[in-house]
ModelCIF file with pLDDT and N, C-alpha, C, O atoms, coordinates in Angstrom:
data_MODEL
#
_entry.id   MODEL 
#
_entity.id                         1 
_entity.type                       polymer 
_entity.pdbx_number_of_molecules   1 
#
_entity_poly.entity_id                      1 
_entity_poly.type                           'polypeptide(L)' 
_entity_poly.nstd_linkage                   no 
_entity_poly.nstd_monomer                   no 
_entity_poly.pdbx_seq_one_letter_code       RTLGGAHPLPWHEVKVRLVTNRRLGRETPTLELDWQRGEDE 
_entity_poly.pdbx_seq_one_letter_code_can   RTLGGAHPLPWHEVKVRLVTNRRLGRETPTLELDWQRGEDE 
_entity_poly.pdbx_strand_id                 A 
#
loop_
_entity_poly_seq.entity_id 
_entity_poly_seq.num 
_entity_poly_seq.mon_id 
_entity_poly_seq.hetero 
1 1  ARG n 
1 2  THR n 
1 3  LEU n 
1 4  GLY n 
1 5  GLY n 
1 6  ALA n 
1 7  HIS n 
1 8  PRO n 
1 9  LEU n 
1 10 PRO n 
1 11 TRP n 
1 12 HIS n 
1 13 GLU n 
1 14 VAL n 
1 15 LYS n 
1 16 VAL n 
1 17 ARG n 
1 18 LEU n 
1 19 VAL n 
1 20 THR n 
1 21 ASN n 
1 22 ARG n 
1 23 ARG n 
1 24 LEU n 
1 25 GLY n 
1 26 ARG n 
1 27 GLU n 
1 28 THR n 
1 29 PRO n 
1 30 THR n 
1 31 LEU n 
1 32 GLU n 
1 33 LEU n 
1 34 ASP n 
1 35 TRP n 
1 36 GLN n 
1 37 ARG n 
1 38 GLY n 
1 39 GLU n 
1 40 ASP n 
1 41 GLU n 
#
_struct_asym.id          A 
_struct_asym.entity_id   1 
#
loop_
_ma_qa_metric.id 
_ma_qa_metric.mode 
_ma_qa_metric.name 
_ma_qa_metric.software_group_id 
_ma_qa_metric.type 
1 global pLDDT . pLDDT 
2 local  pLDDT . pLDDT 
#
_ma_qa_metric_global.metric_id      1 
_ma_qa_metric_global.metric_value   91.49 
_ma_qa_metric_global.model_id       1 
_ma_qa_metric_global.ordinal_id     1 
#
loop_
_ma_qa_metric_local.label_asym_id 
_ma_qa_metric_local.label_comp_id 
_ma_qa_metric_local.label_seq_id 
_ma_qa_metric_local.metric_id 
_ma_qa_metric_local.metric_value 
_ma_qa_metric_local.model_id 
_ma_qa_metric_local.ordinal_id 
A ARG 1  2 95.00 1 1  
A THR 2  2 93.00 1 2  
A LEU 3  2 92.00 1 3  
A GLY 4  2 91.00 1 4  
A GLY 5  2 92.00 1 5  
A ALA 6  2 93.00 1 6  
A HIS 7  2 93.00 1 7  
A PRO 8  2 94.00 1 8  
A LEU 9  2 93.00 1 9  
A PRO 10 2 93.00 1 10 
A TRP 11 2 91.00 1 11 
A HIS 12 2 90.00 1 12 
A GLU 13 2 92.00 1 13 
A VAL 14 2 94.00 1 14 
A LYS 15 2 94.00 1 15 
A VAL 16 2 94.00 1 16 
A ARG 17 2 94.00 1 17 
A LEU 18 2 95.00 1 18 
A VAL 19 2 94.00 1 19 
A THR 20 2 93.00 1 20 
A ASN 21 2 89.00 1 21 
A ARG 22 2 89.00 1 22 
A ARG 23 2 84.00 1 23 
A LEU 24 2 87.00 1 24 
A GLY 25 2 88.00 1 25 
A ARG 26 2 90.00 1 26 
A GLU 27 2 90.00 1 27 
A THR 28 2 92.00 1 28 
A PRO 29 2 94.00 1 29 
A THR 30 2 95.00 1 30 
A LEU 31 2 96.00 1 31 
A GLU 32 2 95.00 1 32 
A LEU 33 2 95.00 1 33 
A ASP 34 2 94.00 1 34 
A TRP 35 2 92.00 1 35 
A GLN 36 2 88.00 1 36 
A ARG 37 2 86.00 1 37 
A GLY 38 2 82.00 1 38 
A GLU 39 2 86.00 1 39 
A ASP 40 2 88.00 1 40 
A GLU 41 2 91.00 1 41 
#
loop_
_atom_site.group_PDB 
_atom_site.id 
_atom_site.type_symbol 
_atom_site.label_atom_id 
_atom_site.label_alt_id 
_atom_site.label_comp_id 
_atom_site.label_asym_id 
_atom_site.label_entity_id 
_atom_site.label_seq_id 
_atom_site.pdbx_PDB_ins_code 
_atom_site.Cartn_x 
_atom_site.Cartn_y 
_atom_site.Cartn_z 
_atom_site.occupancy 
_atom_site.B_iso_or_equiv 
_atom_site.pdbx_formal_charge 
_atom_site.auth_seq_id 
_atom_site.auth_comp_id 
_atom_site.auth_asym_id 
_atom_site.auth_atom_id 
_atom_site.pdbx_PDB_model_num 
ATOM 1   N N  . ARG A 1 1  ? 40.416 -8.021  181.668 1.00 95.00 ? 1  ARG A N  1 
ATOM 2   C CA . ARG A 1 1  ? 41.870 -9.359  182.010 1.00 95.00 ? 1  ARG A CA 1 
ATOM 3   C C  . ARG A 1 1  ? 42.955 -9.371  181.673 1.00 95.00 ? 1  ARG A C  1 
ATOM 4   O O  . ARG A 1 1  ? 42.954 -8.761  180.603 1.00 95.00 ? 1  ARG A O  1 
ATOM 5   N N  . THR A 1 2  ? 44.373 -9.822  181.995 1.00 93.00 ? 2  THR A N  1 
ATOM 6   C CA . THR A 1 2  ? 45.439 -9.502  180.825 1.00 93.00 ? 2  THR A CA 1 
ATOM 7   C C  . THR A 1 2  ? 46.671 -10.053 181.533 1.00 93.00 ? 2  THR A C  1 
ATOM 8   O O  . THR A 1 2  ? 46.674 -10.369 182.723 1.00 93.00 ? 2  THR A O  1 
ATOM 9   N N  . LEU A 1 3  ? 47.451 -10.122 180.922 1.00 92.00 ? 3  LEU A N  1 
ATOM 10  C CA . LEU A 1 3  ? 48.978 -11.071 181.724 1.00 92.00 ? 3  LEU A CA 1 
ATOM 11  C C  . LEU A 1 3  ? 49.119 -9.816  183.146 1.00 92.00 ? 3  LEU A C  1 
ATOM 12  O O  . LEU A 1 3  ? 49.915 -10.117 184.035 1.00 92.00 ? 3  LEU A O  1 
ATOM 13  N N  . GLY A 1 4  ? 48.459 -8.684  183.262 1.00 91.00 ? 4  GLY A N  1 
ATOM 14  C CA . GLY A 1 4  ? 49.492 -7.974  183.273 1.00 91.00 ? 4  GLY A CA 1 
ATOM 15  C C  . GLY A 1 4  ? 48.445 -7.255  184.957 1.00 91.00 ? 4  GLY A C  1 
ATOM 16  O O  . GLY A 1 4  ? 48.507 -6.289  185.718 1.00 91.00 ? 4  GLY A O  1 
ATOM 17  N N  . GLY A 1 5  ? 47.631 -8.450  184.768 1.00 92.00 ? 5  GLY A N  1 
ATOM 18  C CA . GLY A 1 5  ? 46.424 -8.565  185.161 1.00 92.00 ? 5  GLY A CA 1 
ATOM 19  C C  . GLY A 1 5  ? 44.884 -8.289  185.541 1.00 92.00 ? 5  GLY A C  1 
ATOM 20  O O  . GLY A 1 5  ? 44.117 -9.123  185.060 1.00 92.00 ? 5  GLY A O  1 
ATOM 21  N N  . ALA A 1 6  ? 44.190 -7.110  186.438 1.00 93.00 ? 6  ALA A N  1 
ATOM 22  C CA . ALA A 1 6  ? 43.106 -6.691  186.007 1.00 93.00 ? 6  ALA A CA 1 
ATOM 23  C C  . ALA A 1 6  ? 42.492 -5.761  186.185 1.00 93.00 ? 6  ALA A C  1 
ATOM 24  O O  . ALA A 1 6  ? 42.305 -5.459  187.364 1.00 93.00 ? 6  ALA A O  1 
ATOM 25  N N  . HIS A 1 7  ? 41.695 -4.580  184.737 1.00 93.00 ? 7  HIS A N  1 
ATOM 26  C CA . HIS A 1 7  ? 42.072 -3.659  185.330 1.00 93.00 ? 7  HIS A CA 1 
ATOM 27  C C  . HIS A 1 7  ? 40.936 -3.668  184.992 1.00 93.00 ? 7  HIS A C  1 
ATOM 28  O O  . HIS A 1 7  ? 40.369 -4.483  184.264 1.00 93.00 ? 7  HIS A O  1 
ATOM 29  N N  . PRO A 1 8  ? 40.410 -2.490  185.651 1.00 94.00 ? 8  PRO A N  1 
ATOM 30  C CA . PRO A 1 8  ? 38.834 -1.864  187.051 1.00 94.00 ? 8  PRO A CA 1 
ATOM 31  C C  . PRO A 1 8  ? 38.501 -0.745  185.247 1.00 94.00 ? 8  PRO A C  1 
ATOM 32  O O  . PRO A 1 8  ? 39.417 -0.016  184.868 1.00 94.00 ? 8  PRO A O  1 
ATOM 33  N N  . LEU A 1 9  ? 37.472 -0.801  184.601 1.00 93.00 ? 9  LEU A N  1 
ATOM 34  C CA . LEU A 1 9  ? 37.471 1.065   183.995 1.00 93.00 ? 9  LEU A CA 1 
ATOM 35  C C  . LEU A 1 9  ? 35.383 1.026   183.951 1.00 93.00 ? 9  LEU A C  1 
ATOM 36  O O  . LEU A 1 9  ? 34.501 0.434   183.330 1.00 93.00 ? 9  LEU A O  1 
ATOM 37  N N  . PRO A 1 10 ? 35.513 2.164   185.144 1.00 93.00 ? 10 PRO A N  1 
ATOM 38  C CA . PRO A 1 10 ? 34.597 2.299   185.222 1.00 93.00 ? 10 PRO A CA 1 
ATOM 39  C C  . PRO A 1 10 ? 34.416 3.279   184.470 1.00 93.00 ? 10 PRO A C  1 
ATOM 40  O O  . PRO A 1 10 ? 35.189 4.136   184.043 1.00 93.00 ? 10 PRO A O  1 
ATOM 41  N N  . TRP A 1 11 ? 32.546 2.966   184.235 1.00 91.00 ? 11 TRP A N  1 
ATOM 42  C CA . TRP A 1 11 ? 31.421 3.090   183.083 1.00 91.00 ? 11 TRP A CA 1 
ATOM 43  C C  . TRP A 1 11 ? 31.461 4.536   182.256 1.00 91.00 ? 11 TRP A C  1 
ATOM 44  O O  . TRP A 1 11 ? 31.130 4.501   181.071 1.00 91.00 ? 11 TRP A O  1 
ATOM 45  N N  . HIS A 1 12 ? 32.136 6.697   183.263 1.00 90.00 ? 12 HIS A N  1 
ATOM 46  C CA . HIS A 1 12 ? 33.001 6.622   182.952 1.00 90.00 ? 12 HIS A CA 1 
ATOM 47  C C  . HIS A 1 12 ? 33.455 7.341   181.810 1.00 90.00 ? 12 HIS A C  1 
ATOM 48  O O  . HIS A 1 12 ? 33.116 8.201   180.997 1.00 90.00 ? 12 HIS A O  1 
ATOM 49  N N  . GLU A 1 13 ? 34.779 6.254   182.277 1.00 92.00 ? 13 GLU A N  1 
ATOM 50  C CA . GLU A 1 13 ? 35.926 6.398   181.833 1.00 92.00 ? 13 GLU A CA 1 
ATOM 51  C C  . GLU A 1 13 ? 36.461 5.970   180.269 1.00 92.00 ? 13 GLU A C  1 
ATOM 52  O O  . GLU A 1 13 ? 37.493 6.268   179.668 1.00 92.00 ? 13 GLU A O  1 
ATOM 53  N N  . VAL A 1 14 ? 35.131 5.024   179.838 1.00 94.00 ? 14 VAL A N  1 
ATOM 54  C CA . VAL A 1 14 ? 35.938 4.052   179.070 1.00 94.00 ? 14 VAL A CA 1 
ATOM 55  C C  . VAL A 1 14 ? 34.569 4.632   177.376 1.00 94.00 ? 14 VAL A C  1 
ATOM 56  O O  . VAL A 1 14 ? 33.564 5.336   177.280 1.00 94.00 ? 14 VAL A O  1 
ATOM 57  N N  . LYS A 1 15 ? 35.062 4.143   176.822 1.00 94.00 ? 15 LYS A N  1 
ATOM 58  C CA . LYS A 1 15 ? 34.171 4.483   174.975 1.00 94.00 ? 15 LYS A CA 1 
ATOM 59  C C  . LYS A 1 15 ? 34.385 2.796   175.214 1.00 94.00 ? 15 LYS A C  1 
ATOM 60  O O  . LYS A 1 15 ? 35.401 2.271   175.668 1.00 94.00 ? 15 LYS A O  1 
ATOM 61  N N  . VAL A 1 16 ? 32.725 1.875   174.634 1.00 94.00 ? 16 VAL A N  1 
ATOM 62  C CA . VAL A 1 16 ? 33.196 1.108   173.891 1.00 94.00 ? 16 VAL A CA 1 
ATOM 63  C C  . VAL A 1 16 ? 32.701 0.751   172.720 1.00 94.00 ? 16 VAL A C  1 
ATOM 64  O O  . VAL A 1 16 ? 31.480 0.608   172.793 1.00 94.00 ? 16 VAL A O  1 
ATOM 65  N N  . ARG A 1 17 ? 33.260 0.490   171.375 1.00 94.00 ? 17 ARG A N  1 
ATOM 66  C CA . ARG A 1 17 ? 32.514 1.123   170.269 1.00 94.00 ? 17 ARG A CA 1 
ATOM 67  C C  . ARG A 1 17 ? 32.940 -1.219  170.003 1.00 94.00 ? 17 ARG A C  1 
ATOM 68  O O  . ARG A 1 17 ? 33.539 -1.976  170.766 1.00 94.00 ? 17 ARG A O  1 
ATOM 69  N N  . LEU A 1 18 ? 32.237 -1.521  168.574 1.00 95.00 ? 18 LEU A N  1 
ATOM 70  C CA . LEU A 1 18 ? 31.983 -1.789  167.583 1.00 95.00 ? 18 LEU A CA 1 
ATOM 71  C C  . LEU A 1 18 ? 33.338 -1.622  166.978 1.00 95.00 ? 18 LEU A C  1 
ATOM 72  O O  . LEU A 1 18 ? 33.958 -0.783  167.633 1.00 95.00 ? 18 LEU A O  1 
ATOM 73  N N  . VAL A 1 19 ? 34.121 -2.149  165.867 1.00 94.00 ? 19 VAL A N  1 
ATOM 74  C CA . VAL A 1 19 ? 34.832 -1.918  164.735 1.00 94.00 ? 19 VAL A CA 1 
ATOM 75  C C  . VAL A 1 19 ? 35.612 -3.266  163.830 1.00 94.00 ? 19 VAL A C  1 
ATOM 76  O O  . VAL A 1 19 ? 36.423 -4.147  164.114 1.00 94.00 ? 19 VAL A O  1 
ATOM 77  N N  . THR A 1 20 ? 34.901 -2.876  162.690 1.00 93.00 ? 20 THR A N  1 
ATOM 78  C CA . THR A 1 20 ? 34.571 -4.048  161.683 1.00 93.00 ? 20 THR A CA 1 
ATOM 79  C C  . THR A 1 20 ? 35.564 -4.036  161.223 1.00 93.00 ? 20 THR A C  1 
ATOM 80  O O  . THR A 1 20 ? 35.372 -2.981  160.619 1.00 93.00 ? 20 THR A O  1 
ATOM 81  N N  . ASN A 1 21 ? 37.049 -4.438  160.808 1.00 89.00 ? 21 ASN A N  1 
ATOM 82  C CA . ASN A 1 21 ? 38.173 -4.439  159.783 1.00 89.00 ? 21 ASN A CA 1 
ATOM 83  C C  . ASN A 1 21 ? 37.379 -5.604  158.472 1.00 89.00 ? 21 ASN A C  1 
ATOM 84  O O  . ASN A 1 21 ? 36.534 -6.500  158.492 1.00 89.00 ? 21 ASN A O  1 
ATOM 85  N N  . ARG A 1 22 ? 38.239 -4.936  157.442 1.00 89.00 ? 22 ARG A N  1 
ATOM 86  C CA . ARG A 1 22 ? 38.005 -6.471  156.117 1.00 89.00 ? 22 ARG A CA 1 
ATOM 87  C C  . ARG A 1 22 ? 38.956 -6.909  155.454 1.00 89.00 ? 22 ARG A C  1 
ATOM 88  O O  . ARG A 1 22 ? 39.655 -6.188  154.742 1.00 89.00 ? 22 ARG A O  1 
ATOM 89  N N  . ARG A 1 23 ? 39.130 -8.260  155.609 1.00 84.00 ? 23 ARG A N  1 
ATOM 90  C CA . ARG A 1 23 ? 41.384 -8.572  155.370 1.00 84.00 ? 23 ARG A CA 1 
ATOM 91  C C  . ARG A 1 23 ? 40.949 -9.399  154.688 1.00 84.00 ? 23 ARG A C  1 
ATOM 92  O O  . ARG A 1 23 ? 39.797 -9.620  155.061 1.00 84.00 ? 23 ARG A O  1 
ATOM 93  N N  . LEU A 1 24 ? 41.223 -10.027 153.847 1.00 87.00 ? 24 LEU A N  1 
ATOM 94  C CA . LEU A 1 24 ? 40.562 -11.152 153.318 1.00 87.00 ? 24 LEU A CA 1 
ATOM 95  C C  . LEU A 1 24 ? 39.569 -11.492 152.222 1.00 87.00 ? 24 LEU A C  1 
ATOM 96  O O  . LEU A 1 24 ? 39.759 -12.532 151.591 1.00 87.00 ? 24 LEU A O  1 
ATOM 97  N N  . GLY A 1 25 ? 38.669 -10.825 151.971 1.00 88.00 ? 25 GLY A N  1 
ATOM 98  C CA . GLY A 1 25 ? 37.029 -10.502 151.740 1.00 88.00 ? 25 GLY A CA 1 
ATOM 99  C C  . GLY A 1 25 ? 36.606 -11.244 152.978 1.00 88.00 ? 25 GLY A C  1 
ATOM 100 O O  . GLY A 1 25 ? 36.001 -12.310 153.092 1.00 88.00 ? 25 GLY A O  1 
ATOM 101 N N  . ARG A 1 26 ? 37.125 -10.330 153.964 1.00 90.00 ? 26 ARG A N  1 
ATOM 102 C CA . ARG A 1 26 ? 36.175 -11.091 154.986 1.00 90.00 ? 26 ARG A CA 1 
ATOM 103 C C  . ARG A 1 26 ? 36.113 -10.328 156.321 1.00 90.00 ? 26 ARG A C  1 
ATOM 104 O O  . ARG A 1 26 ? 37.111 -10.616 156.981 1.00 90.00 ? 26 ARG A O  1 
ATOM 105 N N  . GLU A 1 27 ? 34.926 -9.049  157.269 1.00 90.00 ? 27 GLU A N  1 
ATOM 106 C CA . GLU A 1 27 ? 34.715 -8.589  158.275 1.00 90.00 ? 27 GLU A CA 1 
ATOM 107 C C  . GLU A 1 27 ? 35.503 -9.791  158.992 1.00 90.00 ? 27 GLU A C  1 
ATOM 108 O O  . GLU A 1 27 ? 35.826 -10.942 158.697 1.00 90.00 ? 27 GLU A O  1 
ATOM 109 N N  . THR A 1 28 ? 35.604 -9.172  159.776 1.00 92.00 ? 28 THR A N  1 
ATOM 110 C CA . THR A 1 28 ? 35.480 -9.583  160.540 1.00 92.00 ? 28 THR A CA 1 
ATOM 111 C C  . THR A 1 28 ? 35.922 -7.785  162.577 1.00 92.00 ? 28 THR A C  1 
ATOM 112 O O  . THR A 1 28 ? 36.723 -6.890  162.844 1.00 92.00 ? 28 THR A O  1 
ATOM 113 N N  . PRO A 1 29 ? 34.352 -8.639  163.359 1.00 94.00 ? 29 PRO A N  1 
ATOM 114 C CA . PRO A 1 29 ? 33.849 -7.855  163.984 1.00 94.00 ? 29 PRO A CA 1 
ATOM 115 C C  . PRO A 1 29 ? 35.234 -7.006  165.091 1.00 94.00 ? 29 PRO A C  1 
ATOM 116 O O  . PRO A 1 29 ? 36.159 -7.640  164.584 1.00 94.00 ? 29 PRO A O  1 
ATOM 117 N N  . THR A 1 30 ? 35.850 -6.223  166.006 1.00 95.00 ? 30 THR A N  1 
ATOM 118 C CA . THR A 1 30 ? 36.717 -6.718  167.252 1.00 95.00 ? 30 THR A CA 1 
ATOM 119 C C  . THR A 1 30 ? 35.117 -6.088  167.972 1.00 95.00 ? 30 THR A C  1 
ATOM 120 O O  . THR A 1 30 ? 33.967 -6.114  167.533 1.00 95.00 ? 30 THR A O  1 
ATOM 121 N N  . LEU A 1 31 ? 35.722 -5.542  169.268 1.00 96.00 ? 31 LEU A N  1 
ATOM 122 C CA . LEU A 1 31 ? 35.162 -4.830  169.841 1.00 96.00 ? 31 LEU A CA 1 
ATOM 123 C C  . LEU A 1 31 ? 36.894 -3.529  170.840 1.00 96.00 ? 31 LEU A C  1 
ATOM 124 O O  . LEU A 1 31 ? 38.034 -3.833  171.189 1.00 96.00 ? 31 LEU A O  1 
ATOM 125 N N  . GLU A 1 32 ? 36.261 -2.472  170.882 1.00 95.00 ? 32 GLU A N  1 
ATOM 126 C CA . GLU A 1 32 ? 37.455 -2.120  171.177 1.00 95.00 ? 32 GLU A CA 1 
ATOM 127 C C  . GLU A 1 32 ? 36.781 -1.033  172.703 1.00 95.00 ? 32 GLU A C  1 
ATOM 128 O O  . GLU A 1 32 ? 35.785 -0.318  172.815 1.00 95.00 ? 32 GLU A O  1 
ATOM 129 N N  . LEU A 1 33 ? 37.934 -1.402  173.680 1.00 95.00 ? 33 LEU A N  1 
ATOM 130 C CA . LEU A 1 33 ? 36.876 -0.495  175.474 1.00 95.00 ? 33 LEU A CA 1 
ATOM 131 C C  . LEU A 1 33 ? 38.667 0.377   174.722 1.00 95.00 ? 33 LEU A C  1 
ATOM 132 O O  . LEU A 1 33 ? 39.815 0.020   174.457 1.00 95.00 ? 33 LEU A O  1 
ATOM 133 N N  . ASP A 1 34 ? 37.778 1.690   174.679 1.00 94.00 ? 34 ASP A N  1 
ATOM 134 C CA . ASP A 1 34 ? 38.762 2.743   174.965 1.00 94.00 ? 34 ASP A CA 1 
ATOM 135 C C  . ASP A 1 34 ? 38.787 3.454   176.114 1.00 94.00 ? 34 ASP A C  1 
ATOM 136 O O  . ASP A 1 34 ? 37.842 4.231   176.252 1.00 94.00 ? 34 ASP A O  1 
ATOM 137 N N  . TRP A 1 35 ? 40.086 3.395   177.512 1.00 92.00 ? 35 TRP A N  1 
ATOM 138 C CA . TRP A 1 35 ? 40.037 4.329   178.953 1.00 92.00 ? 35 TRP A CA 1 
ATOM 139 C C  . TRP A 1 35 ? 40.587 4.556   178.828 1.00 92.00 ? 35 TRP A C  1 
ATOM 140 O O  . TRP A 1 35 ? 41.609 4.003   178.424 1.00 92.00 ? 35 TRP A O  1 
ATOM 141 N N  . GLN A 1 36 ? 40.259 6.082   179.196 1.00 88.00 ? 36 GLN A N  1 
ATOM 142 C CA . GLN A 1 36 ? 40.936 7.352   178.697 1.00 88.00 ? 36 GLN A CA 1 
ATOM 143 C C  . GLN A 1 36 ? 40.711 7.748   181.263 1.00 88.00 ? 36 GLN A C  1 
ATOM 144 O O  . GLN A 1 36 ? 39.817 7.259   181.954 1.00 88.00 ? 36 GLN A O  1 
ATOM 145 N N  . ARG A 1 37 ? 41.598 8.467   181.660 1.00 86.00 ? 37 ARG A N  1 
ATOM 146 C CA . ARG A 1 37 ? 41.722 8.949   183.001 1.00 86.00 ? 37 ARG A CA 1 
ATOM 147 C C  . ARG A 1 37 ? 42.833 9.706   183.529 1.00 86.00 ? 37 ARG A C  1 
ATOM 148 O O  . ARG A 1 37 ? 43.929 9.333   183.947 1.00 86.00 ? 37 ARG A O  1 
ATOM 149 N N  . GLY A 1 38 ? 41.990 11.561  183.352 1.00 82.00 ? 38 GLY A N  1 
ATOM 150 C CA . GLY A 1 38 ? 43.081 12.604  182.566 1.00 82.00 ? 38 GLY A CA 1 
ATOM 151 C C  . GLY A 1 38 ? 44.993 12.645  181.713 1.00 82.00 ? 38 GLY A C  1 
ATOM 152 O O  . GLY A 1 38 ? 44.949 13.318  180.684 1.00 82.00 ? 38 GLY A O  1 
ATOM 153 N N  . GLU A 1 39 ? 46.034 12.236  181.919 1.00 86.00 ? 39 GLU A N  1 
ATOM 154 C CA . GLU A 1 39 ? 46.246 11.553  180.698 1.00 86.00 ? 39 GLU A CA 1 
ATOM 155 C C  . GLU A 1 39 ? 47.273 10.465  180.725 1.00 86.00 ? 39 GLU A C  1 
ATOM 156 O O  . GLU A 1 39 ? 48.388 10.695  180.256 1.00 86.00 ? 39 GLU A O  1 
ATOM 157 N N  . ASP A 1 40 ? 46.985 9.305   181.237 1.00 88.00 ? 40 ASP A N  1 
ATOM 158 C CA . ASP A 1 40 ? 46.452 8.210   181.296 1.00 88.00 ? 40 ASP A CA 1 
ATOM 159 C C  . ASP A 1 40 ? 45.410 7.643   180.231 1.00 88.00 ? 40 ASP A C  1 
ATOM 160 O O  . ASP A 1 40 ? 44.296 8.160   180.150 1.00 88.00 ? 40 ASP A O  1 
ATOM 161 N N  . GLU A 1 41 ? 45.841 6.398   179.281 1.00 91.00 ? 41 GLU A N  1 
ATOM 162 C CA . GLU A 1 41 ? 44.852 5.738   178.582 1.00 91.00 ? 41 GLU A CA 1 
ATOM 163 C C  . GLU A 1 41 ? 44.970 4.474   177.418 1.00 91.00 ? 41 GLU A C  1 
ATOM 164 O O  . GLU A 1 41 ? 43.952 4.013   176.901 1.00 91.00 ? 41 GLU A O  1 
#
């Protein structure tokens, strides 16, 4: 859910990644959902 509404992402169209960024000496994990259908991503 975003301000634009609910975005359904079928399992086969989404890549789930855990990314850890290091800022100010601290590691911060974020969850990235990379969705792609044809040319739309």
